[in-house]
Amino acid sequence: MREKLQKINIELGEKESEGIYSNLAMITHTPSEFIIDFARVLPGAPKGKVYARIVTTPHHAKLLEKALRENIEKYEAEFGQIKITPREERSIGFQTPVTQG
């Protein structure tokens, strides 16, 4: 027997609709949950700040990973590949440009 999907209306408050900019995500987990901290680090600043923390189950973390992968594939099909350098793969956040002088 096929399950009937329930339609859910999601409310987006005015404050939440503004969004929060993040250029760094830190992820950790326990046996029962995943914790994702979204932070912002400014160039030259000695420290960053966490602006949002999401705590979710491993099951929902896996569904989030799947949804992100699907959306990145759609994005790249429309706008081109998102390039990540080997240096970026080894670092957190963003890197400031190196100047020579």
PDB file of N, CA and C in Angstrom:
ATOM      1  N   MET A   1       0.839  -1.177   0.000  1.00  0.00           N
ATOM      2  CA  MET A   1       0.000   0.000   0.000  1.00  0.00           C
ATOM      3  C   MET A   1       0.888   1.246   0.000  1.00  0.00           C
ATOM      4  N   ARG A   2       0.533   2.197  -0.776  1.00  0.00           N
ATOM      5  CA  ARG A   2       1.304   3.419  -0.907  1.00  0.00           C
ATOM      6  C   ARG A   2       0.919   4.426   0.172  1.00  0.00           C
ATOM      7  N   GLU A   3       1.951   5.042   0.800  1.00  0.00           N
ATOM      8  CA  GLU A   3       1.681   6.050   1.822  1.00  0.00           C
ATOM      9  C   GLU A   3       1.208   7.336   1.177  1.00  0.00           C
ATOM     10  N   LYS A   4       0.244   7.979   1.818  1.00  0.00           N
ATOM     11  CA  LYS A   4      -0.233   9.268   1.348  1.00  0.00           C
ATOM     12  C   LYS A   4       0.625  10.354   1.992  1.00  0.00           C
ATOM     13  N   LEU A   5       1.222  11.223   1.160  1.00  0.00           N
ATOM     14  CA  LEU A   5       2.052  12.294   1.686  1.00  0.00           C
ATOM     15  C   LEU A   5       1.183  13.400   2.260  1.00  0.00           C
ATOM     16  N   GLN A   6       1.539  13.836   3.458  1.00  0.00           N
ATOM     17  CA  GLN A   6       0.813  14.909   4.121  1.00  0.00           C
ATOM     18  C   GLN A   6       1.430  16.245   3.719  1.00  0.00           C
ATOM     19  N   LYS A   7       0.598  17.193   3.343  1.00  0.00           N
ATOM     20  CA  LYS A   7       1.077  18.525   2.996  1.00  0.00           C
ATOM     21  C   LYS A   7       1.262  19.323   4.283  1.00  0.00           C
ATOM     22  N   ILE A   8       2.449  19.923   4.428  1.00  0.00           N
ATOM     23  CA  ILE A   8       2.761  20.697   5.622  1.00  0.00           C
ATOM     24  C   ILE A   8       3.030  22.135   5.206  1.00  0.00           C
ATOM     25  N   ASN A   9       2.371  23.061   5.863  1.00  0.00           N
ATOM     26  CA  ASN A   9       2.645  24.476   5.634  1.00  0.00           C
ATOM     27  C   ASN A   9       3.738  24.915   6.599  1.00  0.00           C
ATOM     28  N   ILE A  10       4.788  25.513   6.066  1.00  0.00           N
ATOM     29  CA  ILE A  10       5.902  25.981   6.879  1.00  0.00           C
ATOM     30  C   ILE A  10       5.840  27.500   6.959  1.00  0.00           C
ATOM     31  N   GLU A  11       5.849  28.025   8.177  1.00  0.00           N
ATOM     32  CA  GLU A  11       5.826  29.472   8.376  1.00  0.00           C
ATOM     33  C   GLU A  11       7.255  29.990   8.451  1.00  0.00           C
ATOM     34  N   LEU A  12       7.536  31.062   7.729  1.00  0.00           N
ATOM     35  CA  LEU A  12       8.842  31.703   7.753  1.00  0.00           C
ATOM     36  C   LEU A  12       8.664  33.101   8.323  1.00  0.00           C
ATOM     37  N   GLY A  13       9.169  33.295   9.537  1.00  0.00           N
ATOM     38  CA  GLY A  13       9.028  34.587  10.203  1.00  0.00           C
ATOM     39  C   GLY A  13       9.841  35.673   9.514  1.00  0.00           C
ATOM     40  N   GLU A  14       9.492  36.915   9.807  1.00  0.00           N
ATOM     41  CA  GLU A  14      10.171  38.053   9.175  1.00  0.00           C
ATOM     42  C   GLU A  14      11.669  38.055   9.492  1.00  0.00           C
ATOM     43  N   LYS A  15      12.021  37.828  10.749  1.00  0.00           N
ATOM     44  CA  LYS A  15      13.433  37.816  11.142  1.00  0.00           C
ATOM     45  C   LYS A  15      14.182  36.692  10.429  1.00  0.00           C
ATOM     46  N   GLU A  16      13.590  35.503  10.392  1.00  0.00           N
ATOM     47  CA  GLU A  16      14.238  34.358   9.765  1.00  0.00           C
ATOM     48  C   GLU A  16      14.371  34.534   8.255  1.00  0.00           C
ATOM     49  N   SER A  17      13.420  35.261   7.653  1.00  0.00           N
ATOM     50  CA  SER A  17      13.455  35.432   6.196  1.00  0.00           C
ATOM     51  C   SER A  17      14.631  36.296   5.746  1.00  0.00           C
ATOM     52  N   GLU A  18      15.208  37.077   6.665  1.00  0.00           N
ATOM     53  CA  GLU A  18      16.386  37.880   6.333  1.00  0.00           C
ATOM     54  C   GLU A  18      17.613  37.006   6.129  1.00  0.00           C
ATOM     55  N   GLY A  19      17.646  35.851   6.767  1.00  0.00           N
ATOM     56  CA  GLY A  19      18.781  34.946   6.644  1.00  0.00           C
ATOM     57  C   GLY A  19      19.960  35.382   7.497  1.00  0.00           C
ATOM     58  N   ILE A  20      20.925  34.488   7.621  1.00  0.00           N
ATOM     59  CA  ILE A  20      22.156  34.749   8.360  1.00  0.00           C
ATOM     60  C   ILE A  20      23.302  34.357   7.448  1.00  0.00           C
ATOM     61  N   TYR A  21      24.235  35.265   7.207  1.00  0.00           N
ATOM     62  CA  TYR A  21      25.392  34.949   6.371  1.00  0.00           C
ATOM     63  C   TYR A  21      26.405  34.167   7.192  1.00  0.00           C
ATOM     64  N   SER A  22      26.913  33.090   6.601  1.00  0.00           N
ATOM     65  CA  SER A  22      27.929  32.273   7.246  1.00  0.00           C
ATOM     66  C   SER A  22      28.972  31.883   6.207  1.00  0.00           C
ATOM     67  N   ASN A  23      30.251  31.981   6.580  1.00  0.00           N
ATOM     68  CA  ASN A  23      31.311  31.520   5.690  1.00  0.00           C
ATOM     69  C   ASN A  23      32.142  30.419   6.343  1.00  0.00           C
ATOM     70  N   LEU A  24      31.584  29.844   7.398  1.00  0.00           N
ATOM     71  CA  LEU A  24      32.254  28.756   8.099  1.00  0.00           C
ATOM     72  C   LEU A  24      31.211  27.890   8.791  1.00  0.00           C
ATOM     73  N   ALA A  25      31.305  26.589   8.598  1.00  0.00           N
ATOM     74  CA  ALA A  25      30.437  25.651   9.311  1.00  0.00           C
ATOM     75  C   ALA A  25      31.325  24.647  10.030  1.00  0.00           C
ATOM     76  N   MET A  26      31.033  24.422  11.291  1.00  0.00           N
ATOM     77  CA  MET A  26      31.758  23.430  12.084  1.00  0.00           C
ATOM     78  C   MET A  26      30.756  22.346  12.461  1.00  0.00           C
ATOM     79  N   ILE A  27      31.129  21.100  12.202  1.00  0.00           N
ATOM     80  CA  ILE A  27      30.200  19.993  12.415  1.00  0.00           C
ATOM     81  C   ILE A  27      30.821  18.989  13.369  1.00  0.00           C
ATOM     82  N   THR A  28      30.024  18.566  14.342  1.00  0.00           N
ATOM     83  CA  THR A  28      30.431  17.511  15.261  1.00  0.00           C
ATOM     84  C   THR A  28      29.227  16.604  15.483  1.00  0.00           C
ATOM     85  N   HIS A  29      29.453  15.466  16.126  1.00  0.00           N
ATOM     86  CA  HIS A  29      28.331  14.547  16.346  1.00  0.00           C
ATOM     87  C   HIS A  29      28.553  13.707  17.595  1.00  0.00           C
ATOM     88  N   THR A  30      27.450  13.191  18.080  1.00  0.00           N
ATOM     89  CA  THR A  30      27.424  12.200  19.150  1.00  0.00           C
ATOM     90  C   THR A  30      26.723  10.983  18.554  1.00  0.00           C
ATOM     91  N   PRO A  31      26.587   9.903  19.295  1.00  0.00           N
ATOM     92  CA  PRO A  31      25.847   8.769  18.741  1.00  0.00           C
ATOM     93  C   PRO A  31      24.397   9.100  18.385  1.00  0.00           C
ATOM     94  N   SER A  32      23.826  10.125  19.013  1.00  0.00           N
ATOM     95  CA  SER A  32      22.398  10.394  18.810  1.00  0.00           C
ATOM     96  C   SER A  32      22.075  11.683  18.065  1.00  0.00           C
ATOM     97  N   GLU A  33      23.084  12.543  17.807  1.00  0.00           N
ATOM     98  CA  GLU A  33      22.759  13.796  17.126  1.00  0.00           C
ATOM     99  C   GLU A  33      23.964  14.397  16.413  1.00  0.00           C
ATOM    100  N   PHE A  34      23.664  15.238  15.427  1.00  0.00           N
ATOM    101  CA  PHE A  34      24.666  16.031  14.724  1.00  0.00           C
ATOM    102  C   PHE A  34      24.479  17.482  15.144  1.00  0.00           C
ATOM    103  N   ILE A  35      25.583  18.175  15.363  1.00  0.00           N
ATOM    104  CA  ILE A  35      25.547  19.586  15.730  1.00  0.00           C
ATOM    105  C   ILE A  35      26.289  20.357  14.642  1.00  0.00           C
ATOM    106  N   ILE A  36      25.604  21.326  14.031  1.00  0.00           N
ATOM    107  CA  ILE A  36      26.202  22.146  12.980  1.00  0.00           C
ATOM    108  C   ILE A  36      26.177  23.595  13.454  1.00  0.00           C
ATOM    109  N   ASP A  37      27.363  24.169  13.627  1.00  0.00           N
ATOM    110  CA  ASP A  37      27.488  25.575  14.003  1.00  0.00           C
ATOM    111  C   ASP A  37      27.818  26.382  12.756  1.00  0.00           C
ATOM    112  N   PHE A  38      27.017  27.416  12.492  1.00  0.00           N
ATOM    113  CA  PHE A  38      27.253  28.315  11.369  1.00  0.00           C
ATOM    114  C   PHE A  38      27.860  29.593  11.917  1.00  0.00           C
ATOM    115  N   ALA A  39      29.084  29.906  11.470  1.00  0.00           N
ATOM    116  CA  ALA A  39      29.826  31.048  11.997  1.00  0.00           C
ATOM    117  C   ALA A  39      30.230  31.995  10.874  1.00  0.00           C
ATOM    118  N   ARG A  40      30.685  33.150  11.300  1.00  0.00           N
ATOM    119  CA  ARG A  40      31.201  34.151  10.370  1.00  0.00           C
ATOM    120  C   ARG A  40      32.576  34.568  10.866  1.00  0.00           C
ATOM    121  N   VAL A  41      33.565  34.542   9.955  1.00  0.00           N
ATOM    122  CA  VAL A  41      34.924  34.966  10.251  1.00  0.00           C
ATOM    123  C   VAL A  41      35.261  36.099   9.291  1.00  0.00           C
ATOM    124  N   LEU A  42      35.719  37.220   9.828  1.00  0.00           N
ATOM    125  CA  LEU A  42      36.065  38.366   8.994  1.00  0.00           C
ATOM    126  C   LEU A  42      37.568  38.416   8.776  1.00  0.00           C
ATOM    127  N   PRO A  43      38.013  38.832   7.594  1.00  0.00           N
ATOM    128  CA  PRO A  43      39.456  38.914   7.325  1.00  0.00           C
ATOM    129  C   PRO A  43      40.158  39.799   8.353  1.00  0.00           C
ATOM    130  N   GLY A  44      41.245  39.289   8.900  1.00  0.00           N
ATOM    131  CA  GLY A  44      42.030  40.056   9.859  1.00  0.00           C
ATOM    132  C   GLY A  44      41.503  40.047  11.277  1.00  0.00           C
ATOM    133  N   ALA A  45      40.308  39.512  11.483  1.00  0.00           N
ATOM    134  CA  ALA A  45      39.743  39.470  12.839  1.00  0.00           C
ATOM    135  C   ALA A  45      40.375  38.313  13.607  1.00  0.00           C
ATOM    136  N   PRO A  46      40.651  38.511  14.905  1.00  0.00           N
ATOM    137  CA  PRO A  46      41.295  37.451  15.682  1.00  0.00           C
ATOM    138  C   PRO A  46      40.386  36.262  15.985  1.00  0.00           C
ATOM    139  N   LYS A  47      39.068  36.446  15.869  1.00  0.00           N
ATOM    140  CA  LYS A  47      38.165  35.330  16.140  1.00  0.00           C
ATOM    141  C   LYS A  47      36.871  35.517  15.359  1.00  0.00           C
ATOM    142  N   GLY A  48      36.139  34.413  15.218  1.00  0.00           N
ATOM    143  CA  GLY A  48      34.843  34.449  14.554  1.00  0.00           C
ATOM    144  C   GLY A  48      33.732  34.322  15.579  1.00  0.00           C
ATOM    145  N   LYS A  49      32.501  34.294  15.077  1.00  0.00           N
ATOM    146  CA  LYS A  49      31.351  34.182  15.970  1.00  0.00           C
ATOM    147  C   LYS A  49      30.336  33.224  15.368  1.00  0.00           C
ATOM    148  N   VAL A  50      29.786  32.338  16.212  1.00  0.00           N
ATOM    149  CA  VAL A  50      28.718  31.437  15.790  1.00  0.00           C
ATOM    150  C   VAL A  50      27.405  32.213  15.826  1.00  0.00           C
ATOM    151  N   TYR A  51      26.669  32.182  14.709  1.00  0.00           N
ATOM    152  CA  TYR A  51      25.396  32.895  14.612  1.00  0.00           C
ATOM    153  C   TYR A  51      24.194  31.960  14.663  1.00  0.00           C
ATOM    154  N   ALA A  52      24.418  30.674  14.415  1.00  0.00           N
ATOM    155  CA  ALA A  52      23.309  29.718  14.483  1.00  0.00           C
ATOM    156  C   ALA A  52      23.867  28.332  14.773  1.00  0.00           C
ATOM    157  N   ARG A  53      23.144  27.576  15.570  1.00  0.00           N
ATOM    158  CA  ARG A  53      23.493  26.184  15.863  1.00  0.00           C
ATOM    159  C   ARG A  53      22.277  25.336  15.547  1.00  0.00           C
ATOM    160  N   ILE A  54      22.494  24.326  14.716  1.00  0.00           N
ATOM    161  CA  ILE A  54      21.438  23.389  14.357  1.00  0.00           C
ATOM    162  C   ILE A  54      21.795  22.039  14.974  1.00  0.00           C
ATOM    163  N   VAL A  55      20.878  21.468  15.719  1.00  0.00           N
ATOM    164  CA  VAL A  55      21.054  20.143  16.307  1.00  0.00           C
ATOM    165  C   VAL A  55      19.995  19.250  15.680  1.00  0.00           C
ATOM    166  N   THR A  56      20.426  18.130  15.108  1.00  0.00           N
ATOM    167  CA  THR A  56      19.491  17.251  14.411  1.00  0.00           C
ATOM    168  C   THR A  56      19.895  15.793  14.582  1.00  0.00           C
ATOM    169  N   THR A  57      19.021  14.893  14.201  1.00  0.00           N
ATOM    170  CA  THR A  57      19.295  13.462  14.318  1.00  0.00           C
ATOM    171  C   THR A  57      20.210  13.006  13.184  1.00  0.00           C
ATOM    172  N   PRO A  58      20.916  11.881  13.358  1.00  0.00           N
ATOM    173  CA  PRO A  58      21.724  11.354  12.259  1.00  0.00           C
ATOM    174  C   PRO A  58      20.890  11.107  10.997  1.00  0.00           C
ATOM    175  N   HIS A  59      19.663  10.648  11.159  1.00  0.00           N
ATOM    176  CA  HIS A  59      18.780  10.396  10.020  1.00  0.00           C
ATOM    177  C   HIS A  59      18.527  11.685   9.233  1.00  0.00           C
ATOM    178  N   HIS A  60      18.174  12.754   9.936  1.00  0.00           N
ATOM    179  CA  HIS A  60      17.924  14.022   9.253  1.00  0.00           C
ATOM    180  C   HIS A  60      19.212  14.629   8.689  1.00  0.00           C
ATOM    181  N   ALA A  61      20.356  14.407   9.346  1.00  0.00           N
ATOM    182  CA  ALA A  61      21.634  14.881   8.807  1.00  0.00           C
ATOM    183  C   ALA A  61      21.913  14.198   7.466  1.00  0.00           C
ATOM    184  N   LYS A  62      21.611  12.917   7.376  1.00  0.00           N
ATOM    185  CA  LYS A  62      21.807  12.182   6.117  1.00  0.00           C
ATOM    186  C   LYS A  62      20.875  12.713   5.034  1.00  0.00           C
ATOM    187  N   LEU A  63      19.631  13.020   5.388  1.00  0.00           N
ATOM    188  CA  LEU A  63      18.690  13.594   4.418  1.00  0.00           C
ATOM    189  C   LEU A  63      19.142  14.988   3.983  1.00  0.00           C
ATOM    190  N   LEU A  64      19.704  15.771   4.902  1.00  0.00           N
ATOM    191  CA  LEU A  64      20.234  17.093   4.564  1.00  0.00           C
ATOM    192  C   LEU A  64      21.399  16.959   3.586  1.00  0.00           C
ATOM    193  N   GLU A  65      22.285  16.015   3.835  1.00  0.00           N
ATOM    194  CA  GLU A  65      23.425  15.775   2.941  1.00  0.00           C
ATOM    195  C   GLU A  65      22.932  15.432   1.541  1.00  0.00           C
ATOM    196  N   LYS A  66      21.915  14.598   1.443  1.00  0.00           N
ATOM    197  CA  LYS A  66      21.344  14.216   0.146  1.00  0.00           C
ATOM    198  C   LYS A  66      20.739  15.430  -0.553  1.00  0.00           C
ATOM    199  N   ALA A  67      19.987  16.246   0.179  1.00  0.00           N
ATOM    200  CA  ALA A  67      19.360  17.434  -0.405  1.00  0.00           C
ATOM    201  C   ALA A  67      20.415  18.440  -0.870  1.00  0.00           C
ATOM    202  N   LEU A  68      21.476  18.631  -0.086  1.00  0.00           N
ATOM    203  CA  LEU A  68      22.555  19.535  -0.488  1.00  0.00           C
ATOM    204  C   LEU A  68      23.238  19.031  -1.754  1.00  0.00           C
ATOM    205  N   ARG A  69      23.530  17.732  -1.802  1.00  0.00           N
ATOM    206  CA  ARG A  69      24.182  17.152  -2.977  1.00  0.00           C
ATOM    207  C   ARG A  69      23.331  17.369  -4.226  1.00  0.00           C
ATOM    208  N   GLU A  70      22.020  17.092  -4.119  1.00  0.00           N
ATOM    209  CA  GLU A  70      21.120  17.268  -5.264  1.00  0.00           C
ATOM    210  C   GLU A  70      21.070  18.729  -5.709  1.00  0.00           C
ATOM    211  N   ASN A  71      21.029  19.656  -4.757  1.00  0.00           N
ATOM    212  CA  ASN A  71      20.965  21.075  -5.106  1.00  0.00           C
ATOM    213  C   ASN A  71      22.278  21.588  -5.683  1.00  0.00           C
ATOM    214  N   ILE A  72      23.401  21.095  -5.204  1.00  0.00           N
ATOM    215  CA  ILE A  72      24.691  21.480  -5.780  1.00  0.00           C
ATOM    216  C   ILE A  72      24.788  20.981  -7.215  1.00  0.00           C
ATOM    217  N   GLU A  73      24.317  19.759  -7.473  1.00  0.00           N
ATOM    218  CA  GLU A  73      24.315  19.232  -8.842  1.00  0.00           C
ATOM    219  C   GLU A  73      23.465  20.104  -9.760  1.00  0.00           C
ATOM    220  N   LYS A  74      22.295  20.526  -9.294  1.00  0.00           N
ATOM    221  CA  LYS A  74      21.428  21.406 -10.095  1.00  0.00           C
ATOM    222  C   LYS A  74      22.100  22.757 -10.327  1.00  0.00           C
ATOM    223  N   TYR A  75      22.708  23.312  -9.295  1.00  0.00           N
ATOM    224  CA  TYR A  75      23.405  24.595  -9.403  1.00  0.00           C
ATOM    225  C   TYR A  75      24.508  24.502 -10.453  1.00  0.00           C
ATOM    226  N   GLU A  76      25.340  23.449 -10.353  1.00  0.00           N
ATOM    227  CA  GLU A  76      26.463  23.308 -11.280  1.00  0.00           C
ATOM    228  C   GLU A  76      25.993  23.053 -12.710  1.00  0.00           C
ATOM    229  N   ALA A  77      24.866  22.385 -12.874  1.00  0.00           N
ATOM    230  CA  ALA A  77      24.320  22.177 -14.217  1.00  0.00           C
ATOM    231  C   ALA A  77      23.909  23.508 -14.838  1.00  0.00           C
ATOM    232  N   GLU A  78      23.446  24.435 -14.022  1.00  0.00           N
ATOM    233  CA  GLU A  78      22.994  25.731 -14.525  1.00  0.00           C
ATOM    234  C   GLU A  78      24.116  26.764 -14.621  1.00  0.00           C
ATOM    235  N   PHE A  79      25.011  26.797 -13.625  1.00  0.00           N
ATOM    236  CA  PHE A  79      26.003  27.874 -13.540  1.00  0.00           C
ATOM    237  C   PHE A  79      27.449  27.421 -13.719  1.00  0.00           C
ATOM    238  N   GLY A  80      27.700  26.141 -13.800  1.00  0.00           N
ATOM    239  CA  GLY A  80      29.065  25.641 -13.935  1.00  0.00           C
ATOM    240  C   GLY A  80      29.592  25.093 -12.623  1.00  0.00           C
ATOM    241  N   GLN A  81      30.684  24.360 -12.747  1.00  0.00           N
ATOM    242  CA  GLN A  81      31.274  23.678 -11.598  1.00  0.00           C
ATOM    243  C   GLN A  81      31.767  24.666 -10.541  1.00  0.00           C
ATOM    244  N   ILE A  82      31.519  24.329  -9.292  1.00  0.00           N
ATOM    245  CA  ILE A  82      32.061  25.080  -8.161  1.00  0.00           C
ATOM    246  C   ILE A  82      33.461  24.524  -7.929  1.00  0.00           C
ATOM    247  N   LYS A  83      34.457  25.363  -8.113  1.00  0.00           N
ATOM    248  CA  LYS A  83      35.842  24.900  -7.990  1.00  0.00           C
ATOM    249  C   LYS A  83      36.341  25.101  -6.564  1.00  0.00           C
ATOM    250  N   ILE A  84      36.947  24.063  -6.026  1.00  0.00           N
ATOM    251  CA  ILE A  84      37.556  24.115  -4.700  1.00  0.00           C
ATOM    252  C   ILE A  84      39.013  23.712  -4.869  1.00  0.00           C
ATOM    253  N   THR A  85      39.920  24.583  -4.461  1.00  0.00           N
ATOM    254  CA  THR A  85      41.345  24.302  -4.607  1.00  0.00           C
ATOM    255  C   THR A  85      41.804  23.347  -3.504  1.00  0.00           C
ATOM    256  N   PRO A  86      42.935  22.657  -3.728  1.00  0.00           N
ATOM    257  CA  PRO A  86      43.462  21.786  -2.665  1.00  0.00           C
ATOM    258  C   PRO A  86      43.710  22.550  -1.363  1.00  0.00           C
ATOM    259  N   ARG A  87      44.128  23.819  -1.470  1.00  0.00           N
ATOM    260  CA  ARG A  87      44.359  24.631  -0.267  1.00  0.00           C
ATOM    261  C   ARG A  87      43.057  24.817   0.509  1.00  0.00           C
ATOM    262  N   GLU A  88      41.965  25.076  -0.206  1.00  0.00           N
ATOM    263  CA  GLU A  88      40.667  25.269   0.448  1.00  0.00           C
ATOM    264  C   GLU A  88      40.175  23.985   1.107  1.00  0.00           C
ATOM    265  N   GLU A  89      40.484  22.836   0.508  1.00  0.00           N
ATOM    266  CA  GLU A  89      40.053  21.554   1.086  1.00  0.00           C
ATOM    267  C   GLU A  89      40.705  21.300   2.432  1.00  0.00           C
ATOM    268  N   ARG A  90      41.879  21.870   2.650  1.00  0.00           N
ATOM    269  CA  ARG A  90      42.611  21.637   3.902  1.00  0.00           C
ATOM    270  C   ARG A  90      42.337  22.694   4.958  1.00  0.00           C
ATOM    271  N   SER A  91      41.557  23.717   4.618  1.00  0.00           N
ATOM    272  CA  SER A  91      41.368  24.821   5.552  1.00  0.00           C
ATOM    273  C   SER A  91      39.915  24.946   5.975  1.00  0.00           C
ATOM    274  N   ILE A  92      39.700  25.776   6.971  1.00  0.00           N
ATOM    275  CA  ILE A  92      38.342  26.083   7.395  1.00  0.00           C
ATOM    276  C   ILE A  92      38.032  27.520   7.014  1.00  0.00           C
ATOM    277  N   GLY A  93      36.795  27.798   6.761  1.00  0.00           N
ATOM    278  CA  GLY A  93      36.406  29.163   6.418  1.00  0.00           C
ATOM    279  C   GLY A  93      36.991  29.587   5.091  1.00  0.00           C
ATOM    280  N   PHE A  94      37.358  30.836   4.982  1.00  0.00           N
ATOM    281  CA  PHE A  94      37.931  31.361   3.757  1.00  0.00           C
ATOM    282  C   PHE A  94      39.366  31.778   4.011  1.00  0.00           C
ATOM    283  N   GLN A  95      40.100  31.971   2.946  1.00  0.00           N
ATOM    284  CA  GLN A  95      41.475  32.422   3.055  1.00  0.00           C
ATOM    285  C   GLN A  95      41.577  33.822   2.476  1.00  0.00           C
ATOM    286  N   THR A  96      42.345  34.668   3.121  1.00  0.00           N
ATOM    287  CA  THR A  96      42.568  35.996   2.565  1.00  0.00           C
ATOM    288  C   THR A  96      43.638  35.889   1.490  1.00  0.00           C
ATOM    289  N   PRO A  97      43.583  36.743   0.466  1.00  0.00           N
ATOM    290  CA  PRO A  97      44.571  36.674  -0.608  1.00  0.00           C
ATOM    291  C   PRO A  97      45.984  36.902  -0.079  1.00  0.00           C
ATOM    292  N   VAL A  98      46.932  36.204  -0.680  1.00  0.00           N
ATOM    293  CA  VAL A  98      48.336  36.379  -0.326  1.00  0.00           C
ATOM    294  C   VAL A  98      48.886  37.486  -1.210  1.00  0.00           C
ATOM    295  N   THR A  99      49.500  38.484  -0.602  1.00  0.00           N
ATOM    296  CA  THR A  99      50.075  39.580  -1.384  1.00  0.00           C
ATOM    297  C   THR A  99      51.583  39.455  -1.392  1.00  0.00           C
ATOM    298  N   GLN A 100      52.171  39.818  -2.503  1.00  0.00           N
ATOM    299  CA  GLN A 100      53.625  39.797  -2.611  1.00  0.00           C
ATOM    300  C   GLN A 100      54.112  41.228  -2.682  1.00  0.00           C
ATOM    301  N   GLY A 101      55.217  41.504  -2.041  1.00  0.00           N
ATOM    302  CA  GLY A 101      55.671  42.876  -2.115  1.00  0.00           C
ATOM    303  C   GLY A 101      57.046  43.086  -1.699  1.00  0.00           C
TER     304      GLY A 101
END
